Amino acid sequence: MSHNNTKKNRILVIDDEKHIRSFLKETLELSGYICDTTECGKDGLRMLRESNGYDLLITDVRLPDVSGLEILEITGKKHPFLPVIVITGFATIESTKAALRMGAMDYIPKPFTTGTVLSAVNSAIHASFSR
């Protein structure tokens, strides 16, 4: 499954589970994206601050240092045009509503499939380019 774009979109994944980071990195890179990963929120925020620009952020809700919802809030203020997808193994209606209210483009419960991830990623990137 190759994603056809002349500019390779850069995606940052923040998740404390190594197998999730590896799965997402492999899936996204096989689809033509450039993917960086980190296991903690503070590193993710630093990477966002120091990078030349990401086209999408995917973050877990539960992280060891900063919650994914805090990352969503900070990102919304500092990078208002950066689309964010929230993933979690602990989905509740309340957390879903909170994430969407805070500006998340999508909210994906774990476990998820390759198709679910790629569909959400393609939608989020396409929506951000049409803003």
C-alpha atoms as a PDB file:
ATOM      1  CA  MET A   1       0.000   0.000   0.000  1.00  0.00           C
ATOM      2  CA  SER A   2       1.864   3.022  -1.153  1.00  0.00           C
ATOM      3  CA  HIS A   3       0.705   6.551  -0.465  1.00  0.00           C
ATOM      4  CA  ASN A   4       1.223   8.731  -3.517  1.00  0.00           C
ATOM      5  CA  ASN A   5       2.480  12.147  -2.580  1.00  0.00           C
ATOM      6  CA  THR A   6       5.374  14.098  -3.982  1.00  0.00           C
ATOM      7  CA  LYS A   7       6.211  15.539  -0.565  1.00  0.00           C
ATOM      8  CA  LYS A   8       6.667  12.850   2.043  1.00  0.00           C
ATOM      9  CA  ASN A   9       4.500  13.782   4.991  1.00  0.00           C
ATOM     10  CA  ARG A  10       6.183  13.638   8.409  1.00  0.00           C
ATOM     11  CA  ILE A  11       4.358  11.997  11.285  1.00  0.00           C
ATOM     12  CA  LEU A  12       5.296  11.957  14.964  1.00  0.00           C
ATOM     13  CA  VAL A  13       4.039   9.043  17.085  1.00  0.00           C
ATOM     14  CA  ILE A  14       4.064   9.288  20.892  1.00  0.00           C
ATOM     15  CA  ASP A  15       3.248   6.008  22.652  1.00  0.00           C
ATOM     16  CA  ASP A  16       4.826   4.283  25.643  1.00  0.00           C
ATOM     17  CA  GLU A  17       4.262   0.793  24.201  1.00  0.00           C
ATOM     18  CA  LYS A  18       7.218  -0.280  22.062  1.00  0.00           C
ATOM     19  CA  HIS A  19       5.182  -2.724  19.949  1.00  0.00           C
ATOM     20  CA  ILE A  20       2.636   0.008  19.111  1.00  0.00           C
ATOM     21  CA  ARG A  21       5.415   2.441  18.119  1.00  0.00           C
ATOM     22  CA  SER A  22       7.054  -0.242  15.963  1.00  0.00           C
ATOM     23  CA  PHE A  23       3.746  -1.242  14.332  1.00  0.00           C
ATOM     24  CA  LEU A  24       2.826   2.364  13.525  1.00  0.00           C
ATOM     25  CA  LYS A  25       6.313   3.247  12.258  1.00  0.00           C
ATOM     26  CA  GLU A  26       6.434   0.223   9.948  1.00  0.00           C
ATOM     27  CA  THR A  27       2.852   0.713   8.724  1.00  0.00           C
ATOM     28  CA  LEU A  28       3.331   4.414   8.030  1.00  0.00           C
ATOM     29  CA  GLU A  29       6.751   4.074   6.393  1.00  0.00           C
ATOM     30  CA  LEU A  30       5.514   1.268   4.123  1.00  0.00           C
ATOM     31  CA  SER A  31       2.753   3.677   3.079  1.00  0.00           C
ATOM     32  CA  GLY A  32       5.235   6.382   2.102  1.00  0.00           C
ATOM     33  CA  TYR A  33       5.319   8.538   5.218  1.00  0.00           C
ATOM     34  CA  ILE A  34       8.327   9.634   7.255  1.00  0.00           C
ATOM     35  CA  CYS A  35       7.709   8.568  10.850  1.00  0.00           C
ATOM     36  CA  ASP A  36       9.488   9.501  14.069  1.00  0.00           C
ATOM     37  CA  THR A  37       8.558   7.915  17.381  1.00  0.00           C
ATOM     38  CA  THR A  38       9.084   8.518  21.068  1.00  0.00           C
ATOM     39  CA  GLU A  39       7.839   6.860  24.238  1.00  0.00           C
ATOM     40  CA  CYS A  40       7.140   9.927  26.384  1.00  0.00           C
ATOM     41  CA  GLY A  41       5.204  13.143  26.069  1.00  0.00           C
ATOM     42  CA  LYS A  42       7.997  15.517  27.068  1.00  0.00           C
ATOM     43  CA  ASP A  43      10.263  14.138  24.334  1.00  0.00           C
ATOM     44  CA  GLY A  44       7.388  14.405  21.865  1.00  0.00           C
ATOM     45  CA  LEU A  45       6.783  18.051  22.742  1.00  0.00           C
ATOM     46  CA  ARG A  46      10.526  18.734  22.413  1.00  0.00           C
ATOM     47  CA  MET A  47      10.597  17.020  19.008  1.00  0.00           C
ATOM     48  CA  LEU A  48       7.649  19.138  17.861  1.00  0.00           C
ATOM     49  CA  ARG A  49       9.388  22.285  19.075  1.00  0.00           C
ATOM     50  CA  GLU A  50      12.743  21.459  17.453  1.00  0.00           C
ATOM     51  CA  SER A  51      11.540  19.972  14.164  1.00  0.00           C
ATOM     52  CA  ASN A  52      11.173  21.637  10.806  1.00  0.00           C
ATOM     53  CA  GLY A  53       7.540  20.630  10.912  1.00  0.00           C
ATOM     54  CA  TYR A  54       5.389  17.571  11.259  1.00  0.00           C
ATOM     55  CA  ASP A  55       2.263  17.059   9.192  1.00  0.00           C
ATOM     56  CA  LEU A  56       0.514  14.890  11.792  1.00  0.00           C
ATOM     57  CA  LEU A  57       0.819  13.893  15.442  1.00  0.00           C
ATOM     58  CA  ILE A  58      -0.441  10.560  16.770  1.00  0.00           C
ATOM     59  CA  THR A  59      -0.438  10.343  20.566  1.00  0.00           C
ATOM     60  CA  ASP A  60      -1.543   7.834  23.158  1.00  0.00           C
ATOM     61  CA  VAL A  61      -3.726   9.157  25.988  1.00  0.00           C
ATOM     62  CA  ARG A  62      -1.857   7.388  28.798  1.00  0.00           C
ATOM     63  CA  LEU A  63       1.833   8.199  28.855  1.00  0.00           C
ATOM     64  CA  PRO A  64       4.339   7.912  31.717  1.00  0.00           C
ATOM     65  CA  ASP A  65       4.942  11.651  32.097  1.00  0.00           C
ATOM     66  CA  VAL A  66       2.369  13.869  30.360  1.00  0.00           C
ATOM     67  CA  SER A  67      -1.130  12.794  29.324  1.00  0.00           C
ATOM     68  CA  GLY A  68      -2.020  12.694  25.664  1.00  0.00           C
ATOM     69  CA  LEU A  69      -4.841  15.148  26.358  1.00  0.00           C
ATOM     70  CA  GLU A  70      -2.295  17.610  27.797  1.00  0.00           C
ATOM     71  CA  ILE A  71      -0.201  17.141  24.657  1.00  0.00           C
ATOM     72  CA  LEU A  72      -3.322  17.793  22.583  1.00  0.00           C
ATOM     73  CA  GLU A  73      -3.990  21.006  24.510  1.00  0.00           C
ATOM     74  CA  ILE A  74      -0.381  22.264  24.240  1.00  0.00           C
ATOM     75  CA  THR A  75      -0.189  21.337  20.568  1.00  0.00           C
ATOM     76  CA  GLY A  76      -3.459  23.149  19.874  1.00  0.00           C
ATOM     77  CA  LYS A  77      -1.958  26.363  21.255  1.00  0.00           C
ATOM     78  CA  LYS A  78       1.553  26.128  19.803  1.00  0.00           C
ATOM     79  CA  HIS A  79       0.794  24.319  16.517  1.00  0.00           C
ATOM     80  CA  PRO A  80      -2.874  25.104  15.799  1.00  0.00           C
ATOM     81  CA  PHE A  81      -2.800  23.719  12.252  1.00  0.00           C
ATOM     82  CA  LEU A  82      -1.173  20.393  13.182  1.00  0.00           C
ATOM     83  CA  PRO A  83      -3.757  17.603  13.016  1.00  0.00           C
ATOM     84  CA  VAL A  84      -3.711  15.185  15.958  1.00  0.00           C
ATOM     85  CA  ILE A  85      -4.999  11.624  16.182  1.00  0.00           C
ATOM     86  CA  VAL A  86      -5.454  10.226  19.683  1.00  0.00           C
ATOM     87  CA  ILE A  87      -5.047   6.487  20.328  1.00  0.00           C
ATOM     88  CA  THR A  88      -5.801   4.646  23.545  1.00  0.00           C
ATOM     89  CA  GLY A  89      -6.298   1.280  25.124  1.00  0.00           C
ATOM     90  CA  PHE A  90      -8.638   2.855  27.682  1.00  0.00           C
ATOM     91  CA  ALA A  91     -11.325   4.514  25.571  1.00  0.00           C
ATOM     92  CA  THR A  92     -14.331   5.980  27.331  1.00  0.00           C
ATOM     93  CA  ILE A  93     -17.114   8.135  25.952  1.00  0.00           C
ATOM     94  CA  GLU A  94     -15.907  10.983  28.181  1.00  0.00           C
ATOM     95  CA  SER A  95     -12.290  10.828  27.008  1.00  0.00           C
ATOM     96  CA  THR A  96     -13.398  10.538  23.386  1.00  0.00           C
ATOM     97  CA  LYS A  97     -15.618  13.607  23.696  1.00  0.00           C
ATOM     98  CA  ALA A  98     -12.869  15.527  25.515  1.00  0.00           C
ATOM     99  CA  ALA A  99     -10.274  14.738  22.842  1.00  0.00           C
ATOM    100  CA  LEU A 100     -12.585  15.698  19.988  1.00  0.00           C
ATOM    101  CA  ARG A 101     -13.669  18.870  21.796  1.00  0.00           C
ATOM    102  CA  MET A 102      -9.979  19.774  22.235  1.00  0.00           C
ATOM    103  CA  GLY A 103      -9.386  19.473  18.497  1.00  0.00           C
ATOM    104  CA  ALA A 104      -8.357  15.867  17.838  1.00  0.00           C
ATOM    105  CA  MET A 105      -9.095  14.861  14.242  1.00  0.00           C
ATOM    106  CA  ASP A 106      -9.789  11.269  15.280  1.00  0.00           C
ATOM    107  CA  TYR A 107      -9.842   9.005  18.330  1.00  0.00           C
ATOM    108  CA  ILE A 108      -8.829   5.382  17.758  1.00  0.00           C
ATOM    109  CA  PRO A 109      -9.234   2.690  20.429  1.00  0.00           C
ATOM    110  CA  LYS A 110      -6.597  -0.053  20.719  1.00  0.00           C
ATOM    111  CA  PRO A 111      -6.294  -2.626  19.338  1.00  0.00           C
ATOM    112  CA  PHE A 112      -6.557  -1.170  15.850  1.00  0.00           C
ATOM    113  CA  THR A 113      -5.927  -2.436  12.339  1.00  0.00           C
ATOM    114  CA  THR A 114      -3.611  -1.172   9.633  1.00  0.00           C
ATOM    115  CA  GLY A 115      -6.665  -0.111   7.624  1.00  0.00           C
ATOM    116  CA  THR A 116      -8.114   1.897  10.504  1.00  0.00           C
ATOM    117  CA  VAL A 117      -4.833   3.723  11.083  1.00  0.00           C
ATOM    118  CA  LEU A 118      -4.167   4.490   7.421  1.00  0.00           C
ATOM    119  CA  SER A 119      -7.725   5.685   6.864  1.00  0.00           C
ATOM    120  CA  ALA A 120      -7.493   8.050   9.847  1.00  0.00           C
ATOM    121  CA  VAL A 121      -4.028   9.278   8.816  1.00  0.00           C
ATOM    122  CA  ASN A 122      -5.064   9.922   5.208  1.00  0.00           C
ATOM    123  CA  SER A 123      -8.216  11.758   6.334  1.00  0.00           C
ATOM    124  CA  ALA A 124      -6.340  13.899   8.867  1.00  0.00           C
ATOM    125  CA  ILE A 125      -3.583  14.890   6.444  1.00  0.00           C
ATOM    126  CA  HIS A 126      -6.050  15.575   3.628  1.00  0.00           C
ATOM    127  CA  ALA A 127      -8.234  17.686   5.955  1.00  0.00           C
ATOM    128  CA  SER A 128      -5.231  19.695   7.161  1.00  0.00           C
ATOM    129  CA  PHE A 129      -4.215  20.548   3.584  1.00  0.00           C
ATOM    130  CA  SER A 130      -7.709  21.815   2.796  1.00  0.00           C
ATOM    131  CA  ARG A 131      -7.731  24.250   5.742  1.00  0.00           C
END
